[in-house]
PDB file of N, CA and C in Angstrom:
ATOM      1  N   MET A   1     172.482 125.514 159.283  1.00  0.00           N
ATOM      2  CA  MET A   1     174.001 125.328 160.256  1.00  0.00           C
ATOM      3  C   MET A   1     174.305 126.726 160.558  1.00  0.00           C
ATOM      4  N   GLN A   2     174.055 127.090 161.656  1.00  0.00           N
ATOM      5  CA  GLN A   2     175.135 128.213 162.027  1.00  0.00           C
ATOM      6  C   GLN A   2     176.199 128.438 161.842  1.00  0.00           C
ATOM      7  N   ASN A   3     176.529 129.750 161.347  1.00  0.00           N
ATOM      8  CA  ASN A   3     178.339 129.620 160.895  1.00  0.00           C
ATOM      9  C   ASN A   3     178.557 131.637 161.536  1.00  0.00           C
ATOM     10  N   ASN A   4     179.637 131.170 162.034  1.00  0.00           N
ATOM     11  CA  ASN A   4     180.436 132.970 162.865  1.00  0.00           C
ATOM     12  C   ASN A   4     181.817 132.677 162.445  1.00  0.00           C
ATOM     13  N   ASN A   5     182.112 132.240 161.367  1.00  0.00           N
ATOM     14  CA  ASN A   5     183.059 132.335 160.543  1.00  0.00           C
ATOM     15  C   ASN A   5     183.447 133.310 159.406  1.00  0.00           C
ATOM     16  N   ALA A   6     184.191 134.266 160.179  1.00  0.00           N
ATOM     17  CA  ALA A   6     184.163 135.234 158.844  1.00  0.00           C
ATOM     18  C   ALA A   6     185.071 134.669 157.738  1.00  0.00           C
ATOM     19  N   LEU A   7     185.944 134.081 157.497  1.00  0.00           N
ATOM     20  CA  LEU A   7     186.310 134.130 156.413  1.00  0.00           C
ATOM     21  C   LEU A   7     185.407 132.838 155.326  1.00  0.00           C
ATOM     22  N   PHE A   8     184.471 132.228 156.220  1.00  0.00           N
ATOM     23  CA  PHE A   8     183.343 131.463 155.138  1.00  0.00           C
ATOM     24  C   PHE A   8     182.749 132.427 154.307  1.00  0.00           C
ATOM     25  N   GLU A   9     182.190 133.406 155.199  1.00  0.00           N
ATOM     26  CA  GLU A   9     181.235 134.662 154.457  1.00  0.00           C
ATOM     27  C   GLU A   9     182.025 135.562 153.292  1.00  0.00           C
ATOM     28  N   GLN A  10     183.616 134.967 153.099  1.00  0.00           N
ATOM     29  CA  GLN A  10     183.922 135.450 152.340  1.00  0.00           C
ATOM     30  C   GLN A  10     184.011 134.841 150.954  1.00  0.00           C
ATOM     31  N   LEU A  11     183.886 133.637 151.118  1.00  0.00           N
ATOM     32  CA  LEU A  11     183.552 132.566 149.972  1.00  0.00           C
ATOM     33  C   LEU A  11     182.419 132.786 149.561  1.00  0.00           C
ATOM     34  N   THR A  12     182.681 132.293 147.759  1.00  0.00           N
ATOM     35  CA  THR A  12     181.475 132.454 146.707  1.00  0.00           C
ATOM     36  C   THR A  12     180.073 131.449 146.905  1.00  0.00           C
ATOM     37  N   LYS A  13     179.435 130.998 147.124  1.00  0.00           N
ATOM     38  CA  LYS A  13     178.087 130.643 147.098  1.00  0.00           C
ATOM     39  C   LYS A  13     179.116 129.001 147.127  1.00  0.00           C
ATOM     40  N   PRO A  14     178.969 128.470 145.700  1.00  0.00           N
ATOM     41  CA  PRO A  14     179.256 127.299 145.181  1.00  0.00           C
ATOM     42  C   PRO A  14     180.796 126.685 146.730  1.00  0.00           C
ATOM     43  N   GLN A  15     181.284 127.797 146.646  1.00  0.00           N
ATOM     44  CA  GLN A  15     182.245 127.229 147.494  1.00  0.00           C
ATOM     45  C   GLN A  15     181.798 127.562 149.132  1.00  0.00           C
ATOM     46  N   GLN A  16     180.909 127.751 149.417  1.00  0.00           N
ATOM     47  CA  GLN A  16     180.408 127.630 150.547  1.00  0.00           C
ATOM     48  C   GLN A  16     179.540 126.006 150.624  1.00  0.00           C
ATOM     49  N   MET A  17     179.222 126.084 149.469  1.00  0.00           N
ATOM     50  CA  MET A  17     178.325 124.678 149.600  1.00  0.00           C
ATOM     51  C   MET A  17     179.238 123.711 149.909  1.00  0.00           C
ATOM     52  N   TYR A  18     180.623 123.498 149.383  1.00  0.00           N
ATOM     53  CA  TYR A  18     181.467 122.735 149.174  1.00  0.00           C
ATOM     54  C   TYR A  18     182.106 122.465 150.731  1.00  0.00           C
ATOM     55  N   VAL A  19     182.288 123.374 151.599  1.00  0.00           N
ATOM     56  CA  VAL A  19     182.783 123.757 153.225  1.00  0.00           C
ATOM     57  C   VAL A  19     181.550 123.167 153.449  1.00  0.00           C
ATOM     58  N   GLU A  20     180.279 123.432 153.165  1.00  0.00           N
ATOM     59  CA  GLU A  20     179.084 122.877 154.146  1.00  0.00           C
ATOM     60  C   GLU A  20     179.343 121.251 154.083  1.00  0.00           C
ATOM     61  N   SER A  21     179.312 120.810 153.075  1.00  0.00           N
ATOM     62  CA  SER A  21     179.448 119.501 152.697  1.00  0.00           C
ATOM     63  C   SER A  21     180.391 118.619 153.155  1.00  0.00           C
ATOM     64  N   ILE A  22     181.706 119.230 153.223  1.00  0.00           N
ATOM     65  CA  ILE A  22     182.800 118.570 154.344  1.00  0.00           C
ATOM     66  C   ILE A  22     182.433 118.854 155.623  1.00  0.00           C
ATOM     67  N   ARG A  23     181.937 119.477 156.706  1.00  0.00           N
ATOM     68  CA  ARG A  23     180.834 119.565 157.772  1.00  0.00           C
ATOM     69  C   ARG A  23     180.158 118.441 157.486  1.00  0.00           C
ATOM     70  N   GLU A  24     178.968 118.499 156.870  1.00  0.00           N
ATOM     71  CA  GLU A  24     178.133 117.630 157.056  1.00  0.00           C
ATOM     72  C   GLU A  24     178.392 116.177 156.735  1.00  0.00           C
ATOM     73  N   ILE A  25     179.197 115.779 155.920  1.00  0.00           N
ATOM     74  CA  ILE A  25     179.491 114.167 155.274  1.00  0.00           C
ATOM     75  C   ILE A  25     181.051 114.044 156.876  1.00  0.00           C
ATOM     76  N   GLY A  26     181.317 115.244 156.489  1.00  0.00           N
ATOM     77  CA  GLY A  26     182.927 114.807 157.775  1.00  0.00           C
ATOM     78  C   GLY A  26     182.319 114.832 159.198  1.00  0.00           C
ATOM     79  N   ALA A  27     181.429 115.040 159.605  1.00  0.00           N
ATOM     80  CA  ALA A  27     180.855 114.996 161.084  1.00  0.00           C
ATOM     81  C   ALA A  27     180.001 113.430 161.038  1.00  0.00           C
ATOM     82  N   ASP A  28     179.431 113.205 159.996  1.00  0.00           N
ATOM     83  CA  ASP A  28     178.979 111.669 159.478  1.00  0.00           C
ATOM     84  C   ASP A  28     179.983 110.897 159.798  1.00  0.00           C
ATOM     85  N   TRP A  29     180.885 111.359 159.126  1.00  0.00           N
ATOM     86  CA  TRP A  29     182.177 110.159 159.099  1.00  0.00           C
ATOM     87  C   TRP A  29     183.023 110.468 160.400  1.00  0.00           C
ATOM     88  N   GLY A  30     182.568 110.880 161.106  1.00  0.00           N
ATOM     89  CA  GLY A  30     183.554 111.473 162.753  1.00  0.00           C
ATOM     90  C   GLY A  30     184.809 111.897 162.129  1.00  0.00           C
ATOM     91  N   TYR A  31     185.338 113.046 160.792  1.00  0.00           N
ATOM     92  CA  TYR A  31     186.379 113.633 160.955  1.00  0.00           C
ATOM     93  C   TYR A  31     186.227 114.793 162.043  1.00  0.00           C
ATOM     94  N   ASP A  32     187.485 115.146 162.787  1.00  0.00           N
ATOM     95  CA  ASP A  32     187.926 116.267 162.929  1.00  0.00           C
ATOM     96  C   ASP A  32     187.631 117.659 162.522  1.00  0.00           C
ATOM     97  N   LEU A  33     186.341 118.111 162.679  1.00  0.00           N
ATOM     98  CA  LEU A  33     185.984 119.187 162.299  1.00  0.00           C
ATOM     99  C   LEU A  33     186.661 120.852 162.448  1.00  0.00           C
ATOM    100  N   THR A  34     187.427 120.145 163.610  1.00  0.00           N
ATOM    101  CA  THR A  34     188.309 121.779 163.884  1.00  0.00           C
ATOM    102  C   THR A  34     189.611 122.176 163.242  1.00  0.00           C
ATOM    103  N   LYS A  35     189.572 120.831 162.490  1.00  0.00           N
ATOM    104  CA  LYS A  35     191.124 121.475 162.252  1.00  0.00           C
ATOM    105  C   LYS A  35     191.286 121.905 160.666  1.00  0.00           C
ATOM    106  N   THR A  36     191.886 122.417 160.164  1.00  0.00           N
ATOM    107  CA  THR A  36     191.904 123.487 158.686  1.00  0.00           C
ATOM    108  C   THR A  36     193.150 122.547 157.791  1.00  0.00           C
ATOM    109  N   ASN A  37     193.796 121.514 158.311  1.00  0.00           N
ATOM    110  CA  ASN A  37     194.226 121.150 156.931  1.00  0.00           C
ATOM    111  C   ASN A  37     194.191 119.942 156.397  1.00  0.00           C
ATOM    112  N   TRP A  38     193.624 119.602 155.166  1.00  0.00           N
ATOM    113  CA  TRP A  38     192.923 118.309 154.459  1.00  0.00           C
ATOM    114  C   TRP A  38     193.642 118.093 153.978  1.00  0.00           C
ATOM    115  N   THR A  39     193.457 116.215 154.023  1.00  0.00           N
ATOM    116  CA  THR A  39     194.657 115.720 152.997  1.00  0.00           C
ATOM    117  C   THR A  39     193.192 115.545 151.680  1.00  0.00           C
ATOM    118  N   ARG A  40     194.462 115.477 150.366  1.00  0.00           N
ATOM    119  CA  ARG A  40     193.667 114.532 149.854  1.00  0.00           C
ATOM    120  C   ARG A  40     192.415 114.080 149.456  1.00  0.00           C
ATOM    121  N   LYS A  41     193.144 112.824 150.248  1.00  0.00           N
ATOM    122  CA  LYS A  41     192.557 111.774 149.940  1.00  0.00           C
ATOM    123  C   LYS A  41     191.151 111.890 150.713  1.00  0.00           C
ATOM    124  N   GLU A  42     191.236 112.715 151.933  1.00  0.00           N
ATOM    125  CA  GLU A  42     189.968 113.181 152.587  1.00  0.00           C
ATOM    126  C   GLU A  42     189.100 113.829 152.044  1.00  0.00           C
ATOM    127  N   LEU A  43     189.427 114.917 150.991  1.00  0.00           N
ATOM    128  CA  LEU A  43     188.676 115.216 149.728  1.00  0.00           C
ATOM    129  C   LEU A  43     187.794 114.807 149.119  1.00  0.00           C
ATOM    130  N   VAL A  44     189.097 113.844 148.109  1.00  0.00           N
ATOM    131  CA  VAL A  44     188.362 112.844 147.533  1.00  0.00           C
ATOM    132  C   VAL A  44     187.035 112.209 148.120  1.00  0.00           C
ATOM    133  N   ALA A  45     187.430 111.961 149.251  1.00  0.00           N
ATOM    134  CA  ALA A  45     186.372 110.495 149.722  1.00  0.00           C
ATOM    135  C   ALA A  45     184.658 112.041 149.577  1.00  0.00           C
ATOM    136  N   ILE A  46     184.934 112.752 150.091  1.00  0.00           N
ATOM    137  CA  ILE A  46     183.788 113.761 150.863  1.00  0.00           C
ATOM    138  C   ILE A  46     183.674 114.385 149.149  1.00  0.00           C
ATOM    139  N   SER A  47     184.503 114.094 148.045  1.00  0.00           N
ATOM    140  CA  SER A  47     183.378 114.600 146.896  1.00  0.00           C
ATOM    141  C   SER A  47     182.676 113.139 146.215  1.00  0.00           C
ATOM    142  N   MET A  48     183.459 112.350 146.451  1.00  0.00           N
ATOM    143  CA  MET A  48     182.549 111.011 145.993  1.00  0.00           C
ATOM    144  C   MET A  48     181.668 110.996 146.424  1.00  0.00           C
ATOM    145  N   LYS A  49     181.361 111.190 147.897  1.00  0.00           N
ATOM    146  CA  LYS A  49     180.151 110.893 148.577  1.00  0.00           C
ATOM    147  C   LYS A  49     179.294 112.158 148.082  1.00  0.00           C
ATOM    148  N   ARG A  50     179.625 113.709 148.017  1.00  0.00           N
ATOM    149  CA  ARG A  50     178.696 114.796 147.408  1.00  0.00           C
ATOM    150  C   ARG A  50     178.275 114.521 146.275  1.00  0.00           C
ATOM    151  N   GLN A  51     179.103 114.238 144.770  1.00  0.00           N
ATOM    152  CA  GLN A  51     179.086 113.968 143.761  1.00  0.00           C
ATOM    153  C   GLN A  51     179.228 113.026 143.318  1.00  0.00           C
ATOM    154  N   GLY A  52     179.748 112.335 143.261  1.00  0.00           N
ATOM    155  CA  GLY A  52     179.988 110.894 142.520  1.00  0.00           C
ATOM    156  C   GLY A  52     181.069 110.915 142.055  1.00  0.00           C
ATOM    157  N   ASN A  53     181.860 112.058 142.599  1.00  0.00           N
ATOM    158  CA  ASN A  53     183.098 111.878 141.203  1.00  0.00           C
ATOM    159  C   ASN A  53     184.530 112.528 142.462  1.00  0.00           C
ATOM    160  N   ASP A  54     185.376 112.535 142.180  1.00  0.00           N
ATOM    161  CA  ASP A  54     186.687 112.365 142.765  1.00  0.00           C
ATOM    162  C   ASP A  54     187.265 113.963 142.307  1.00  0.00           C
ATOM    163  N   ASP A  55     186.192 115.028 142.147  1.00  0.00           N
ATOM    164  CA  ASP A  55     187.094 116.141 141.699  1.00  0.00           C
ATOM    165  C   ASP A  55     186.883 116.939 142.615  1.00  0.00           C
ATOM    166  N   VAL A  56     188.094 117.203 143.481  1.00  0.00           N
ATOM    167  CA  VAL A  56     188.224 118.169 144.587  1.00  0.00           C
ATOM    168  C   VAL A  56     188.265 119.816 143.744  1.00  0.00           C
ATOM    169  N   PRO A  57     187.285 120.818 144.292  1.00  0.00           N
ATOM    170  CA  PRO A  57     187.760 122.136 143.737  1.00  0.00           C
ATOM    171  C   PRO A  57     188.762 122.454 143.294  1.00  0.00           C
ATOM    172  N   ASN A  58     189.034 123.242 142.284  1.00  0.00           N
ATOM    173  CA  ASN A  58     190.397 123.788 141.713  1.00  0.00           C
ATOM    174  C   ASN A  58     190.443 124.958 142.962  1.00  0.00           C
ATOM    175  N   TRP A  59     189.511 125.352 143.406  1.00  0.00           N
ATOM    176  CA  TRP A  59     189.940 126.783 144.581  1.00  0.00           C
ATOM    177  C   TRP A  59     190.505 125.977 145.158  1.00  0.00           C
ATOM    178  N   ILE A  60     190.664 124.869 146.253  1.00  0.00           N
ATOM    179  CA  ILE A  60     191.395 124.148 147.064  1.00  0.00           C
ATOM    180  C   ILE A  60     193.087 123.701 146.447  1.00  0.00           C
ATOM    181  N   VAL A  61     192.708 122.587 145.561  1.00  0.00           N
ATOM    182  CA  VAL A  61     193.672 122.377 145.193  1.00  0.00           C
ATOM    183  C   VAL A  61     195.011 123.113 144.161  1.00  0.00           C
ATOM    184  N   LYS A  62     194.129 124.197 143.362  1.00  0.00           N
ATOM    185  CA  LYS A  62     195.125 124.253 142.530  1.00  0.00           C
ATOM    186  C   LYS A  62     195.673 125.976 143.298  1.00  0.00           C
ATOM    187  N   ASP A  63     195.256 126.331 144.483  1.00  0.00           N
ATOM    188  CA  ASP A  63     195.512 127.775 145.093  1.00  0.00           C
ATOM    189  C   ASP A  63     196.928 127.144 145.701  1.00  0.00           C
ATOM    190  N   ASN A  64     198.315 128.096 145.524  1.00  0.00           N
ATOM    191  CA  ASN A  64     199.652 127.088 145.876  1.00  0.00           C
ATOM    192  C   ASN A  64     199.284 128.166 147.781  1.00  0.00           C
ATOM    193  N   ALA A  65     198.682 128.868 147.527  1.00  0.00           N
ATOM    194  CA  ALA A  65     198.553 129.291 149.140  1.00  0.00           C
ATOM    195  C   ALA A  65     197.573 128.390 150.189  1.00  0.00           C
ATOM    196  N   ARG A  66     197.083 127.588 149.368  1.00  0.00           N
ATOM    197  CA  ARG A  66     196.533 126.452 150.461  1.00  0.00           C
ATOM    198  C   ARG A  66     196.967 125.383 150.620  1.00  0.00           C
ATOM    199  N   ARG A  67     198.155 125.165 150.017  1.00  0.00           N
ATOM    200  CA  ARG A  67     199.158 123.992 149.967  1.00  0.00           C
ATOM    201  C   ARG A  67     199.931 123.990 150.925  1.00  0.00           C
ATOM    202  N   VAL A  68     199.688 123.181 151.652  1.00  0.00           N
ATOM    203  CA  VAL A  68     200.469 123.351 152.849  1.00  0.00           C
ATOM    204  C   VAL A  68     201.506 122.420 152.904  1.00  0.00           C
ATOM    205  N   GLY A  69     201.576 120.678 151.919  1.00  0.00           N
ATOM    206  CA  GLY A  69     202.288 119.888 151.940  1.00  0.00           C
ATOM    207  C   GLY A  69     202.202 119.055 150.950  1.00  0.00           C
ATOM    208  N   ARG A  70     202.565 118.482 150.640  1.00  0.00           N
ATOM    209  CA  ARG A  70     202.287 117.077 149.730  1.00  0.00           C
ATOM    210  C   ARG A  70     200.781 116.726 149.485  1.00  0.00           C
ATOM    211  N   GLY A  71     199.766 116.643 149.372  1.00  0.00           N
ATOM    212  CA  GLY A  71     198.873 116.127 148.988  1.00  0.00           C
ATOM    213  C   GLY A  71     197.642 116.833 150.391  1.00  0.00           C
ATOM    214  N   VAL A  72     198.467 118.194 150.771  1.00  0.00           N
ATOM    215  CA  VAL A  72     197.504 118.501 151.671  1.00  0.00           C
ATOM    216  C   VAL A  72     197.226 120.078 151.630  1.00  0.00           C
ATOM    217  N   TYR A  73     196.062 120.486 152.299  1.00  0.00           N
ATOM    218  CA  TYR A  73     195.364 121.617 151.398  1.00  0.00           C
ATOM    219  C   TYR A  73     194.657 122.464 152.861  1.00  0.00           C
ATOM    220  N   ALA A  74     194.901 123.858 152.610  1.00  0.00           N
ATOM    221  CA  ALA A  74     194.592 124.438 154.069  1.00  0.00           C
ATOM    222  C   ALA A  74     193.493 124.925 153.567  1.00  0.00           C
ATOM    223  N   ILE A  75     192.124 124.391 154.895  1.00  0.00           N
ATOM    224  CA  ILE A  75     190.836 125.114 154.358  1.00  0.00           C
ATOM    225  C   ILE A  75     190.453 126.152 155.822  1.00  0.00           C
ATOM    226  N   PRO A  76     190.801 127.198 155.803  1.00  0.00           N
ATOM    227  CA  PRO A  76     190.725 128.192 157.032  1.00  0.00           C
ATOM    228  C   PRO A  76     189.074 128.313 157.125  1.00  0.00           C
ATOM    229  N   GLU A  77     188.568 128.141 156.004  1.00  0.00           N
ATOM    230  CA  GLU A  77     187.504 129.068 156.064  1.00  0.00           C
ATOM    231  C   GLU A  77     185.905 127.035 156.598  1.00  0.00           C
ATOM    232  N   LEU A  78     186.668 126.514 157.173  1.00  0.00           N
ATOM    233  CA  LEU A  78     185.854 124.946 157.386  1.00  0.00           C
ATOM    234  C   LEU A  78     185.436 125.516 159.162  1.00  0.00           C
ATOM    235  N   PRO A  79     186.920 125.513 159.850  1.00  0.00           N
ATOM    236  CA  PRO A  79     186.050 125.018 161.112  1.00  0.00           C
ATOM    237  C   PRO A  79     185.449 126.784 161.692  1.00  0.00           C
ATOM    238  N   GLN A  80     183.881 126.157 162.363  1.00  0.00           N
ATOM    239  CA  GLN A  80     183.140 127.238 163.015  1.00  0.00           C
ATOM    240  C   GLN A  80     183.766 127.494 163.977  1.00  0.00           C
ATOM    241  N   ASP A  81     183.067 128.865 164.582  1.00  0.00           N
ATOM    242  CA  ASP A  81     183.229 129.255 166.206  1.00  0.00           C
ATOM    243  C   ASP A  81     182.860 128.529 166.953  1.00  0.00           C
ATOM    244  N   THR A  82     182.896 127.665 167.989  1.00  0.00           N
ATOM    245  CA  THR A  82     182.199 126.884 168.872  1.00  0.00           C
ATOM    246  C   THR A  82     182.214 127.987 169.996  1.00  0.00           C
ATOM    247  N   PRO A  83     180.810 127.350 170.672  1.00  0.00           N
ATOM    248  CA  PRO A  83     180.137 128.031 171.688  1.00  0.00           C
ATOM    249  C   PRO A  83     181.045 127.951 173.297  1.00  0.00           C
ATOM    250  N   PRO A  84     181.799 128.778 174.172  1.00  0.00           N
ATOM    251  CA  PRO A  84     181.925 127.812 175.191  1.00  0.00           C
ATOM    252  C   PRO A  84     180.843 126.579 176.133  1.00  0.00           C
ATOM    253  N   VAL A  85     181.763 125.838 176.907  1.00  0.00           N
ATOM    254  CA  VAL A  85     180.688 124.931 176.881  1.00  0.00           C
ATOM    255  C   VAL A  85     180.895 125.028 178.310  1.00  0.00           C
ATOM    256  N   ALA A  86     179.591 124.789 178.786  1.00  0.00           N
ATOM    257  CA  ALA A  86     179.235 125.391 180.222  1.00  0.00           C
ATOM    258  C   ALA A  86     179.693 123.688 181.386  1.00  0.00           C
ATOM    259  N   THR A  87     180.390 124.198 182.335  1.00  0.00           N
ATOM    260  CA  THR A  87     181.019 122.726 183.002  1.00  0.00           C
ATOM    261  C   THR A  87     179.910 122.605 184.373  1.00  0.00           C
ATOM    262  N   THR A  88     180.314 122.014 185.626  1.00  0.00           N
ATOM    263  CA  THR A  88     179.638 121.938 186.743  1.00  0.00           C
ATOM    264  C   THR A  88     180.343 122.409 187.479  1.00  0.00           C
ATOM    265  N   ASP A  89     181.905 123.055 187.351  1.00  0.00           N
ATOM    266  CA  ASP A  89     182.824 124.145 187.953  1.00  0.00           C
ATOM    267  C   ASP A  89     181.754 125.412 187.638  1.00  0.00           C
ATOM    268  N   ASP A  90     181.392 125.435 186.954  1.00  0.00           N
ATOM    269  CA  ASP A  90     181.159 127.167 186.496  1.00  0.00           C
ATOM    270  C   ASP A  90     180.099 127.756 187.199  1.00  0.00           C
ATOM    271  N   PRO A  91     180.423 128.355 188.057  1.00  0.00           N
ATOM    272  CA  PRO A  91     179.459 128.680 189.152  1.00  0.00           C
ATOM    273  C   PRO A  91     177.768 129.743 188.117  1.00  0.00           C
ATOM    274  N   THR A  92     178.347 129.822 186.876  1.00  0.00           N
ATOM    275  CA  THR A  92     177.256 130.733 185.995  1.00  0.00           C
ATOM    276  C   THR A  92     175.856 129.674 186.155  1.00  0.00           C
ATOM    277  N   ASN A  93     176.654 128.407 185.826  1.00  0.00           N
ATOM    278  CA  ASN A  93     175.189 127.849 185.041  1.00  0.00           C
ATOM    279  C   ASN A  93     174.588 127.172 186.211  1.00  0.00           C
ATOM    280  N   ASN A  94     173.450 126.833 185.455  1.00  0.00           N
ATOM    281  CA  ASN A  94     171.988 126.883 186.327  1.00  0.00           C
ATOM    282  C   ASN A  94     171.201 125.863 186.138  1.00  0.00           C
ATOM    283  N   TYR A  95     172.251 124.302 186.110  1.00  0.00           N
ATOM    284  CA  TYR A  95     171.779 123.009 185.722  1.00  0.00           C
ATOM    285  C   TYR A  95     172.842 122.351 186.696  1.00  0.00           C
ATOM    286  N   ASP A  96     171.682 121.142 187.113  1.00  0.00           N
ATOM    287  CA  ASP A  96     172.403 120.289 188.066  1.00  0.00           C
ATOM    288  C   ASP A  96     173.085 119.093 186.748  1.00  0.00           C
ATOM    289  N   ASP A  97     173.669 117.793 187.468  1.00  0.00           N
ATOM    290  CA  ASP A  97     174.343 116.868 186.475  1.00  0.00           C
ATOM    291  C   ASP A  97     173.748 116.262 185.886  1.00  0.00           C
ATOM    292  N   GLU A  98     172.715 115.834 186.674  1.00  0.00           N
ATOM    293  CA  GLU A  98     171.904 114.723 186.209  1.00  0.00           C
ATOM    294  C   GLU A  98     170.630 115.172 184.952  1.00  0.00           C
ATOM    295  N   GLY A  99     170.740 116.603 184.935  1.00  0.00           N
ATOM    296  CA  GLY A  99     169.678 117.192 183.837  1.00  0.00           C
ATOM    297  C   GLY A  99     170.588 117.649 182.621  1.00  0.00           C
ATOM    298  N   ALA A 100     171.563 117.162 182.969  1.00  0.00           N
ATOM    299  CA  ALA A 100     173.003 117.454 181.808  1.00  0.00           C
ATOM    300  C   ALA A 100     172.550 117.190 180.446  1.00  0.00           C
ATOM    301  N   ASP A 101     171.814 116.246 180.617  1.00  0.00           N
ATOM    302  CA  ASP A 101     171.713 115.928 178.518  1.00  0.00           C
ATOM    303  C   ASP A 101     170.200 116.274 178.309  1.00  0.00           C
ATOM    304  N   THR A 102     169.917 117.150 179.519  1.00  0.00           N
ATOM    305  CA  THR A 102     168.316 117.609 178.587  1.00  0.00           C
ATOM    306  C   THR A 102     168.399 119.069 178.188  1.00  0.00           C
ATOM    307  N   LEU A 103     170.106 119.223 177.948  1.00  0.00           N
ATOM    308  CA  LEU A 103     170.322 120.596 177.734  1.00  0.00           C
ATOM    309  C   LEU A 103     170.824 120.552 176.146  1.00  0.00           C
ATOM    310  N   ALA A 104     170.423 121.613 175.185  1.00  0.00           N
ATOM    311  CA  ALA A 104     170.675 121.778 174.025  1.00  0.00           C
ATOM    312  C   ALA A 104     171.449 123.720 174.072  1.00  0.00           C
ATOM    313  N   TYR A 105     172.500 123.851 172.934  1.00  0.00           N
ATOM    314  CA  TYR A 105     172.840 125.065 172.671  1.00  0.00           C
ATOM    315  C   TYR A 105     172.032 125.955 171.812  1.00  0.00           C
ATOM    316  N   SER A 106     171.845 127.357 172.161  1.00  0.00           N
ATOM    317  CA  SER A 106     170.904 128.047 171.323  1.00  0.00           C
ATOM    318  C   SER A 106     172.389 128.814 170.674  1.00  0.00           C
ATOM    319  N   PRO A 107     171.957 128.702 168.937  1.00  0.00           N
ATOM    320  CA  PRO A 107     172.962 129.626 168.736  1.00  0.00           C
ATOM    321  C   PRO A 107     171.888 131.174 167.937  1.00  0.00           C
ATOM    322  N   ASP A 108     171.073 131.220 168.072  1.00  0.00           N
ATOM    323  CA  ASP A 108     170.559 132.264 167.958  1.00  0.00           C
ATOM    324  C   ASP A 108     170.751 133.265 169.516  1.00  0.00           C
ATOM    325  N   GLU A 109     170.315 132.696 170.617  1.00  0.00           N
ATOM    326  CA  GLU A 109     170.865 133.288 171.768  1.00  0.00           C
ATOM    327  C   GLU A 109     172.326 133.200 172.248  1.00  0.00           C
ATOM    328  N   HIS A 110     173.231 131.998 171.634  1.00  0.00           N
ATOM    329  CA  HIS A 110     174.625 131.557 172.593  1.00  0.00           C
ATOM    330  C   HIS A 110     173.979 131.376 173.798  1.00  0.00           C
ATOM    331  N   THR A 111     173.352 130.731 174.421  1.00  0.00           N
ATOM    332  CA  THR A 111     173.024 129.986 176.001  1.00  0.00           C
ATOM    333  C   THR A 111     172.739 128.876 175.390  1.00  0.00           C
ATOM    334  N   MET A 112     172.811 128.215 176.453  1.00  0.00           N
ATOM    335  CA  MET A 112     171.666 126.806 176.878  1.00  0.00           C
ATOM    336  C   MET A 112     170.761 126.745 177.080  1.00  0.00           C
ATOM    337  N   ILE A 113     170.201 125.790 177.013  1.00  0.00           N
ATOM    338  CA  ILE A 113     168.468 125.864 177.119  1.00  0.00           C
ATOM    339  C   ILE A 113     168.513 124.707 177.503  1.00  0.00           C
ATOM    340  N   ARG A 114     167.348 124.092 178.034  1.00  0.00           N
ATOM    341  CA  ARG A 114     166.996 123.114 178.811  1.00  0.00           C
ATOM    342  C   ARG A 114     165.618 122.720 178.002  1.00  0.00           C
ATOM    343  N   LYS A 115     165.994 121.582 177.198  1.00  0.00           N
ATOM    344  CA  LYS A 115     164.969 120.731 176.110  1.00  0.00           C
ATOM    345  C   LYS A 115     163.458 121.067 176.702  1.00  0.00           C
ATOM    346  N   GLN A 116     162.595 120.391 176.169  1.00  0.00           N
ATOM    347  CA  GLN A 116     160.930 120.546 177.031  1.00  0.00           C
ATOM    348  C   GLN A 116     160.691 119.133 176.722  1.00  0.00           C
TER     349      GLN A 116
END
């Protein structure tokens, strides 16, 4: 998974792996991955799916700087930079509405490409 978030790059490898788990499992479960504040309940559910126990990493729950409120923790490393979405009102796009479902985002080129 492509990542452009500078805060994410500052995490240790195990911390990055936990954040990636939130992204992957959260996406499967329909969580809003653009938010930065996560409840303990959400993080426990992720941990249960990820590792089979309810242990949320200490680097999240024991860091007072991450505590937003009771049972709510900030994970600003989670949201990824997202590419702009081309619309039909954008004069620079080069596709028609009927072919829009065959387009894909190329993170390496930061462009929309037509699937073959």
